[in-house]
Amino acid sequence: PHGGSYVAGNRISHFVASLVRLPGRILRVTS
């Protein structure tokens, strides 16, 4: 998906993505 995936852009995919637990070093960065 060089231009992105239309499935990744839907609400369900974003809801599932919200359940992802990022690793500690990434959480520190996002924080």
PDB file of all heavy atoms in Angstrom:
ATOM      1  N   PRO A   1       0.825  -1.225   0.000  1.00  0.00           N
ATOM      2  CA  PRO A   1       0.000   0.000   0.000  1.00  0.00           C
ATOM      3  C   PRO A   1       0.857   1.272   0.000  1.00  0.00           C
ATOM      4  O   PRO A   1       0.880   2.013   0.994  1.00  0.00           O
ATOM      5  CB  PRO A   1      -0.804  -0.134   1.292  1.00  0.00           C
ATOM      6  CG  PRO A   1       0.118  -0.879   2.219  1.00  0.00           C
ATOM      7  CD  PRO A   1       0.889  -1.833   1.336  1.00  0.00           C
ATOM      8  N   HIS A   2       1.538   1.531  -1.099  1.00  0.00           N
ATOM      9  CA  HIS A   2       2.374   2.731  -1.156  1.00  0.00           C
ATOM     10  C   HIS A   2       1.552   3.993  -0.913  1.00  0.00           C
ATOM     11  O   HIS A   2       2.053   4.971  -0.348  1.00  0.00           O
ATOM     12  CB  HIS A   2       3.058   2.825  -2.520  1.00  0.00           C
ATOM     13  CG  HIS A   2       4.036   1.724  -2.790  1.00  0.00           C
ATOM     14  ND1 HIS A   2       5.242   1.635  -2.141  1.00  0.00           N
ATOM     15  CD2 HIS A   2       3.969   0.657  -3.628  1.00  0.00           C
ATOM     16  CE1 HIS A   2       5.897   0.572  -2.574  1.00  0.00           C
ATOM     17  NE2 HIS A   2       5.137  -0.050  -3.474  1.00  0.00           N
ATOM     18  N   GLY A   3       0.292   3.973  -1.334  1.00  0.00           N
ATOM     19  CA  GLY A   3      -0.588   5.112  -1.113  1.00  0.00           C
ATOM     20  C   GLY A   3      -1.565   4.886   0.022  1.00  0.00           C
ATOM     21  O   GLY A   3      -2.543   5.624   0.169  1.00  0.00           O
ATOM     22  N   GLY A   4      -1.319   3.863   0.817  1.00  0.00           N
ATOM     23  CA  GLY A   4      -2.200   3.546   1.935  1.00  0.00           C
ATOM     24  C   GLY A   4      -3.212   2.477   1.584  1.00  0.00           C
ATOM     25  O   GLY A   4      -3.456   2.165   0.416  1.00  0.00           O
ATOM     26  N   SER A   5      -3.829   1.913   2.616  1.00  0.00           N
ATOM     27  CA  SER A   5      -4.846   0.876   2.443  1.00  0.00           C
ATOM     28  C   SER A   5      -6.202   1.414   2.855  1.00  0.00           C
ATOM     29  O   SER A   5      -6.351   1.976   3.950  1.00  0.00           O
ATOM     30  CB  SER A   5      -4.506  -0.347   3.299  1.00  0.00           C
ATOM     31  OG  SER A   5      -5.615  -1.200   3.446  1.00  0.00           O
ATOM     32  N   TYR A   6      -7.196   1.244   1.978  1.00  0.00           N
ATOM     33  CA  TYR A   6      -8.528   1.752   2.321  1.00  0.00           C
ATOM     34  C   TYR A   6      -9.121   1.003   3.507  1.00  0.00           C
ATOM     35  O   TYR A   6      -9.971   1.542   4.231  1.00  0.00           O
ATOM     36  CB  TYR A   6      -9.460   1.689   1.107  1.00  0.00           C
ATOM     37  CG  TYR A   6      -9.805   0.308   0.604  1.00  0.00           C
ATOM     38  CD1 TYR A   6     -10.890  -0.395   1.120  1.00  0.00           C
ATOM     39  CD2 TYR A   6      -9.061  -0.283  -0.420  1.00  0.00           C
ATOM     40  CE1 TYR A   6     -11.224  -1.649   0.644  1.00  0.00           C
ATOM     41  CE2 TYR A   6      -9.389  -1.534  -0.902  1.00  0.00           C
ATOM     42  CZ  TYR A   6     -10.464  -2.219  -0.379  1.00  0.00           C
ATOM     43  OH  TYR A   6     -10.775  -3.465  -0.848  1.00  0.00           O
ATOM     44  N   VAL A   7      -8.654  -0.226   3.752  1.00  0.00           N
ATOM     45  CA  VAL A   7      -9.119  -0.962   4.928  1.00  0.00           C
ATOM     46  C   VAL A   7      -8.549  -0.339   6.195  1.00  0.00           C
ATOM     47  O   VAL A   7      -9.226  -0.220   7.224  1.00  0.00           O
ATOM     48  CB  VAL A   7      -8.729  -2.454   4.824  1.00  0.00           C
ATOM     49  CG1 VAL A   7      -9.014  -3.177   6.133  1.00  0.00           C
ATOM     50  CG2 VAL A   7      -9.483  -3.117   3.685  1.00  0.00           C
ATOM     51  N   ALA A   8      -7.267   0.079   6.134  1.00  0.00           N
ATOM     52  CA  ALA A   8      -6.645   0.709   7.303  1.00  0.00           C
ATOM     53  C   ALA A   8      -7.346   2.009   7.675  1.00  0.00           C
ATOM     54  O   ALA A   8      -7.292   2.445   8.837  1.00  0.00           O
ATOM     55  CB  ALA A   8      -5.168   0.980   7.021  1.00  0.00           C
ATOM     56  N   GLY A   9      -8.004   2.626   6.712  1.00  0.00           N
ATOM     57  CA  GLY A   9      -8.631   3.913   6.980  1.00  0.00           C
ATOM     58  C   GLY A   9     -10.017   3.835   7.571  1.00  0.00           C
ATOM     59  O   GLY A   9     -10.589   4.881   7.936  1.00  0.00           O
ATOM     60  N   ASN A  10     -10.599   2.640   7.716  1.00  0.00           N
ATOM     61  CA  ASN A  10     -11.978   2.599   8.236  1.00  0.00           C
ATOM     62  C   ASN A  10     -12.007   2.602   9.766  1.00  0.00           C
ATOM     63  O   ASN A  10     -11.002   2.391  10.441  1.00  0.00           O
ATOM     64  CB  ASN A  10     -12.756   1.409   7.655  1.00  0.00           C
ATOM     65  CG  ASN A  10     -12.178   0.058   8.089  1.00  0.00           C
ATOM     66  OD1 ASN A  10     -11.790  -0.125   9.234  1.00  0.00           O
ATOM     67  ND2 ASN A  10     -12.146  -0.882   7.158  1.00  0.00           N
ATOM     68  N   ARG A  11     -13.183   2.830  10.321  1.00  0.00           N
ATOM     69  CA  ARG A  11     -13.324   2.993  11.767  1.00  0.00           C
ATOM     70  C   ARG A  11     -12.996   1.722  12.540  1.00  0.00           C
ATOM     71  O   ARG A  11     -12.414   1.772  13.628  1.00  0.00           O
ATOM     72  CB  ARG A  11     -14.754   3.442  12.097  1.00  0.00           C
ATOM     73  CG  ARG A  11     -15.075   4.850  11.618  1.00  0.00           C
ATOM     74  CD  ARG A  11     -16.482   5.225  12.036  1.00  0.00           C
ATOM     75  NE  ARG A  11     -16.804   6.600  11.636  1.00  0.00           N
ATOM     76  CZ  ARG A  11     -17.968   7.185  11.894  1.00  0.00           C
ATOM     77  NH1 ARG A  11     -18.929   6.509  12.534  1.00  0.00           N
ATOM     78  NH2 ARG A  11     -18.184   8.432  11.497  1.00  0.00           N
ATOM     79  N   ILE A  12     -13.410   0.607  11.969  1.00  0.00           N
ATOM     80  CA  ILE A  12     -13.149  -0.661  12.668  1.00  0.00           C
ATOM     81  C   ILE A  12     -11.646  -0.890  12.815  1.00  0.00           C
ATOM     82  O   ILE A  12     -11.163  -1.278  13.882  1.00  0.00           O
ATOM     83  CB  ILE A  12     -13.810  -1.831  11.907  1.00  0.00           C
ATOM     84  CG1 ILE A  12     -15.330  -1.677  11.929  1.00  0.00           C
ATOM     85  CG2 ILE A  12     -13.392  -3.164  12.506  1.00  0.00           C
ATOM     86  CD1 ILE A  12     -16.072  -2.739  11.140  1.00  0.00           C
ATOM     87  N   SER A  13     -10.905  -0.641  11.735  1.00  0.00           N
ATOM     88  CA  SER A  13      -9.453  -0.824  11.789  1.00  0.00           C
ATOM     89  C   SER A  13      -8.828   0.120  12.810  1.00  0.00           C
ATOM     90  O   SER A  13      -7.908  -0.274  13.554  1.00  0.00           O
ATOM     91  CB  SER A  13      -8.837  -0.582  10.405  1.00  0.00           C
ATOM     92  OG  SER A  13      -9.280  -1.552   9.484  1.00  0.00           O
ATOM     93  N   HIS A  14      -9.312   1.335  12.883  1.00  0.00           N
ATOM     94  CA  HIS A  14      -8.770   2.279  13.860  1.00  0.00           C
ATOM     95  C   HIS A  14      -9.123   1.859  15.289  1.00  0.00           C
ATOM     96  O   HIS A  14      -8.324   2.054  16.216  1.00  0.00           O
ATOM     97  CB  HIS A  14      -9.275   3.691  13.565  1.00  0.00           C
ATOM     98  CG  HIS A  14      -8.484   4.369  12.502  1.00  0.00           C
ATOM     99  ND1 HIS A  14      -8.078   5.676  12.575  1.00  0.00           N
ATOM    100  CD2 HIS A  14      -8.009   3.915  11.312  1.00  0.00           C
ATOM    101  CE1 HIS A  14      -7.391   6.006  11.503  1.00  0.00           C
ATOM    102  NE2 HIS A  14      -7.354   4.943  10.706  1.00  0.00           N
ATOM    103  N   PHE A  15     -10.302   1.265  15.455  1.00  0.00           N
ATOM    104  CA  PHE A  15     -10.659   0.764  16.788  1.00  0.00           C
ATOM    105  C   PHE A  15      -9.723  -0.378  17.190  1.00  0.00           C
ATOM    106  O   PHE A  15      -9.211  -0.402  18.315  1.00  0.00           O
ATOM    107  CB  PHE A  15     -12.109   0.275  16.807  1.00  0.00           C
ATOM    108  CG  PHE A  15     -12.462  -0.471  18.074  1.00  0.00           C
ATOM    109  CD1 PHE A  15     -12.633   0.209  19.266  1.00  0.00           C
ATOM    110  CD2 PHE A  15     -12.581  -1.861  18.054  1.00  0.00           C
ATOM    111  CE1 PHE A  15     -12.928  -0.490  20.444  1.00  0.00           C
ATOM    112  CE2 PHE A  15     -12.888  -2.558  19.222  1.00  0.00           C
ATOM    113  CZ  PHE A  15     -13.057  -1.872  20.408  1.00  0.00           C
ATOM    114  N   VAL A  16      -9.500  -1.316  16.257  1.00  0.00           N
ATOM    115  CA  VAL A  16      -8.587  -2.429  16.551  1.00  0.00           C
ATOM    116  C   VAL A  16      -7.186  -1.888  16.828  1.00  0.00           C
ATOM    117  O   VAL A  16      -6.497  -2.347  17.747  1.00  0.00           O
ATOM    118  CB  VAL A  16      -8.567  -3.431  15.376  1.00  0.00           C
ATOM    119  CG1 VAL A  16      -7.502  -4.493  15.607  1.00  0.00           C
ATOM    120  CG2 VAL A  16      -9.932  -4.086  15.214  1.00  0.00           C
ATOM    121  N   ALA A  17      -6.773  -0.890  16.040  1.00  0.00           N
ATOM    122  CA  ALA A  17      -5.444  -0.312  16.231  1.00  0.00           C
ATOM    123  C   ALA A  17      -5.308   0.333  17.613  1.00  0.00           C
ATOM    124  O   ALA A  17      -4.217   0.369  18.187  1.00  0.00           O
ATOM    125  CB  ALA A  17      -5.174   0.717  15.139  1.00  0.00           C
ATOM    126  N   SER A  18      -6.419   0.815  18.165  1.00  0.00           N
ATOM    127  CA  SER A  18      -6.366   1.439  19.492  1.00  0.00           C
ATOM    128  C   SER A  18      -6.083   0.425  20.589  1.00  0.00           C
ATOM    129  O   SER A  18      -5.722   0.797  21.713  1.00  0.00           O
ATOM    130  CB  SER A  18      -7.685   2.163  19.779  1.00  0.00           C
ATOM    131  OG  SER A  18      -8.747   1.227  19.971  1.00  0.00           O
ATOM    132  N   LEU A  19      -6.249  -0.864  20.276  1.00  0.00           N
ATOM    133  CA  LEU A  19      -6.001  -1.920  21.258  1.00  0.00           C
ATOM    134  C   LEU A  19      -4.537  -2.354  21.297  1.00  0.00           C
ATOM    135  O   LEU A  19      -4.142  -3.109  22.186  1.00  0.00           O
ATOM    136  CB  LEU A  19      -6.873  -3.145  20.944  1.00  0.00           C
ATOM    137  CG  LEU A  19      -8.387  -2.907  20.865  1.00  0.00           C
ATOM    138  CD1 LEU A  19      -9.090  -4.197  20.479  1.00  0.00           C
ATOM    139  CD2 LEU A  19      -8.923  -2.380  22.193  1.00  0.00           C
ATOM    140  N   VAL A  20      -3.756  -1.885  20.338  1.00  0.00           N
ATOM    141  CA  VAL A  20      -2.347  -2.280  20.266  1.00  0.00           C
ATOM    142  C   VAL A  20      -1.591  -1.722  21.465  1.00  0.00           C
ATOM    143  O   VAL A  20      -1.685  -0.519  21.784  1.00  0.00           O
ATOM    144  CB  VAL A  20      -1.703  -1.785  18.952  1.00  0.00           C
ATOM    145  CG1 VAL A  20      -0.201  -2.034  18.962  1.00  0.00           C
ATOM    146  CG2 VAL A  20      -2.357  -2.474  17.762  1.00  0.00           C
ATOM    147  N   ARG A  21      -0.826  -2.586  22.118  1.00  0.00           N
ATOM    148  CA  ARG A  21       0.033  -2.150  23.223  1.00  0.00           C
ATOM    149  C   ARG A  21       1.449  -1.937  22.688  1.00  0.00           C
ATOM    150  O   ARG A  21       2.163  -2.900  22.389  1.00  0.00           O
ATOM    151  CB  ARG A  21       0.039  -3.197  24.332  1.00  0.00           C
ATOM    152  CG  ARG A  21      -1.276  -3.314  25.090  1.00  0.00           C
ATOM    153  CD  ARG A  21      -1.176  -4.333  26.193  1.00  0.00           C
ATOM    154  NE  ARG A  21      -1.009  -5.688  25.650  1.00  0.00           N
ATOM    155  CZ  ARG A  21      -0.664  -6.747  26.395  1.00  0.00           C
ATOM    156  NH1 ARG A  21      -0.418  -6.601  27.677  1.00  0.00           N
ATOM    157  NH2 ARG A  21      -0.558  -7.933  25.830  1.00  0.00           N
ATOM    158  N   LEU A  22       1.840  -0.698  22.565  1.00  0.00           N
ATOM    159  CA  LEU A  22       3.154  -0.375  22.031  1.00  0.00           C
ATOM    160  C   LEU A  22       4.234  -0.740  23.038  1.00  0.00           C
ATOM    161  O   LEU A  22       4.004  -0.718  24.252  1.00  0.00           O
ATOM    162  CB  LEU A  22       3.229   1.115  21.683  1.00  0.00           C
ATOM    163  CG  LEU A  22       2.259   1.596  20.605  1.00  0.00           C
ATOM    164  CD1 LEU A  22       2.373   3.108  20.432  1.00  0.00           C
ATOM    165  CD2 LEU A  22       2.518   0.899  19.283  1.00  0.00           C
ATOM    166  N   PRO A  23       5.431  -1.076  22.553  1.00  0.00           N
ATOM    167  CA  PRO A  23       6.522  -1.418  23.470  1.00  0.00           C
ATOM    168  C   PRO A  23       6.940  -0.216  24.313  1.00  0.00           C
ATOM    169  O   PRO A  23       6.675   0.945  23.953  1.00  0.00           O
ATOM    170  CB  PRO A  23       7.639  -1.868  22.530  1.00  0.00           C
ATOM    171  CG  PRO A  23       7.337  -1.217  21.225  1.00  0.00           C
ATOM    172  CD  PRO A  23       5.849  -1.138  21.150  1.00  0.00           C
ATOM    173  N   GLY A  24       7.618  -0.505  25.413  1.00  0.00           N
ATOM    174  CA  GLY A  24       7.974   0.543  26.365  1.00  0.00           C
ATOM    175  C   GLY A  24       8.742   1.692  25.756  1.00  0.00           C
ATOM    176  O   GLY A  24       8.432   2.868  26.021  1.00  0.00           O
ATOM    177  N   ARG A  25       9.716   1.397  24.898  1.00  0.00           N
ATOM    178  CA  ARG A  25      10.536   2.479  24.345  1.00  0.00           C
ATOM    179  C   ARG A  25       9.715   3.381  23.416  1.00  0.00           C
ATOM    180  O   ARG A  25       9.960   4.579  23.322  1.00  0.00           O
ATOM    181  CB  ARG A  25      11.755   1.913  23.620  1.00  0.00           C
ATOM    182  CG  ARG A  25      11.452   1.047  22.419  1.00  0.00           C
ATOM    183  CD  ARG A  25      12.686   0.345  21.879  1.00  0.00           C
ATOM    184  NE  ARG A  25      13.786   1.268  21.603  1.00  0.00           N
ATOM    185  CZ  ARG A  25      14.763   0.988  20.750  1.00  0.00           C
ATOM    186  NH1 ARG A  25      14.761  -0.178  20.090  1.00  0.00           N
ATOM    187  NH2 ARG A  25      15.731   1.843  20.547  1.00  0.00           N
ATOM    188  N   ILE A  26       8.719   2.793  22.718  1.00  0.00           N
ATOM    189  CA  ILE A  26       7.854   3.599  21.856  1.00  0.00           C
ATOM    190  C   ILE A  26       6.874   4.409  22.704  1.00  0.00           C
ATOM    191  O   ILE A  26       6.570   5.575  22.394  1.00  0.00           O
ATOM    192  CB  ILE A  26       7.095   2.719  20.852  1.00  0.00           C
ATOM    193  CG1 ILE A  26       8.087   1.997  19.935  1.00  0.00           C
ATOM    194  CG2 ILE A  26       6.126   3.544  20.025  1.00  0.00           C
ATOM    195  CD1 ILE A  26       8.960   2.919  19.122  1.00  0.00           C
ATOM    196  N   LEU A  27       6.394   3.837  23.793  1.00  0.00           N
ATOM    197  CA  LEU A  27       5.495   4.583  24.680  1.00  0.00           C
ATOM    198  C   LEU A  27       6.194   5.795  25.271  1.00  0.00           C
ATOM    199  O   LEU A  27       5.587   6.868  25.436  1.00  0.00           O
ATOM    200  CB  LEU A  27       4.983   3.665  25.792  1.00  0.00           C
ATOM    201  CG  LEU A  27       3.926   2.624  25.394  1.00  0.00           C
ATOM    202  CD1 LEU A  27       3.606   1.711  26.563  1.00  0.00           C
ATOM    203  CD2 LEU A  27       2.664   3.317  24.887  1.00  0.00           C
ATOM    204  N   ARG A  28       7.472   5.635  25.598  1.00  0.00           N
ATOM    205  CA  ARG A  28       8.219   6.780  26.122  1.00  0.00           C
ATOM    206  C   ARG A  28       8.328   7.883  25.071  1.00  0.00           C
ATOM    207  O   ARG A  28       8.210   9.076  25.371  1.00  0.00           O
ATOM    208  CB  ARG A  28       9.608   6.341  26.580  1.00  0.00           C
ATOM    209  CG  ARG A  28       9.604   5.529  27.870  1.00  0.00           C
ATOM    210  CD  ARG A  28      11.004   5.366  28.422  1.00  0.00           C
ATOM    211  NE  ARG A  28      11.855   4.567  27.542  1.00  0.00           N
ATOM    212  CZ  ARG A  28      11.939   3.247  27.590  1.00  0.00           C
ATOM    213  NH1 ARG A  28      11.208   2.575  28.473  1.00  0.00           N
ATOM    214  NH2 ARG A  28      12.738   2.590  26.769  1.00  0.00           N
ATOM    215  N   VAL A  29       8.559   7.454  23.802  1.00  0.00           N
ATOM    216  CA  VAL A  29       8.649   8.425  22.721  1.00  0.00           C
ATOM    217  C   VAL A  29       7.319   9.145  22.527  1.00  0.00           C
ATOM    218  O   VAL A  29       7.267  10.379  22.422  1.00  0.00           O
ATOM    219  CB  VAL A  29       9.092   7.731  21.410  1.00  0.00           C
ATOM    220  CG1 VAL A  29       8.970   8.701  20.228  1.00  0.00           C
ATOM    221  CG2 VAL A  29      10.519   7.226  21.535  1.00  0.00           C
ATOM    222  N   THR A  30       6.224   8.379  22.451  1.00  0.00           N
ATOM    223  CA  THR A  30       4.911   9.010  22.220  1.00  0.00           C
ATOM    224  C   THR A  30       4.516   9.901  23.391  1.00  0.00           C
ATOM    225  O   THR A  30       3.844  10.927  23.211  1.00  0.00           O
ATOM    226  CB  THR A  30       3.835   7.934  21.990  1.00  0.00           C
ATOM    227  OG1 THR A  30       3.773   7.051  23.133  1.00  0.00           O
ATOM    228  CG2 THR A  30       4.138   7.117  20.748  1.00  0.00           C
ATOM    229  N   SER A  31       4.948   9.497  24.593  1.00  0.00           N
ATOM    230  CA  SER A  31       4.653  10.323  25.763  1.00  0.00           C
ATOM    231  C   SER A  31       5.360  11.671  25.662  1.00  0.00           C
ATOM    232  O   SER A  31       4.761  12.728  25.952  1.00  0.00           O
ATOM    233  CB  SER A  31       5.084   9.595  27.035  1.00  0.00           C
ATOM    234  OG  SER A  31       4.904  10.428  28.170  1.00  0.00           O
TER     235      SER A  31
END
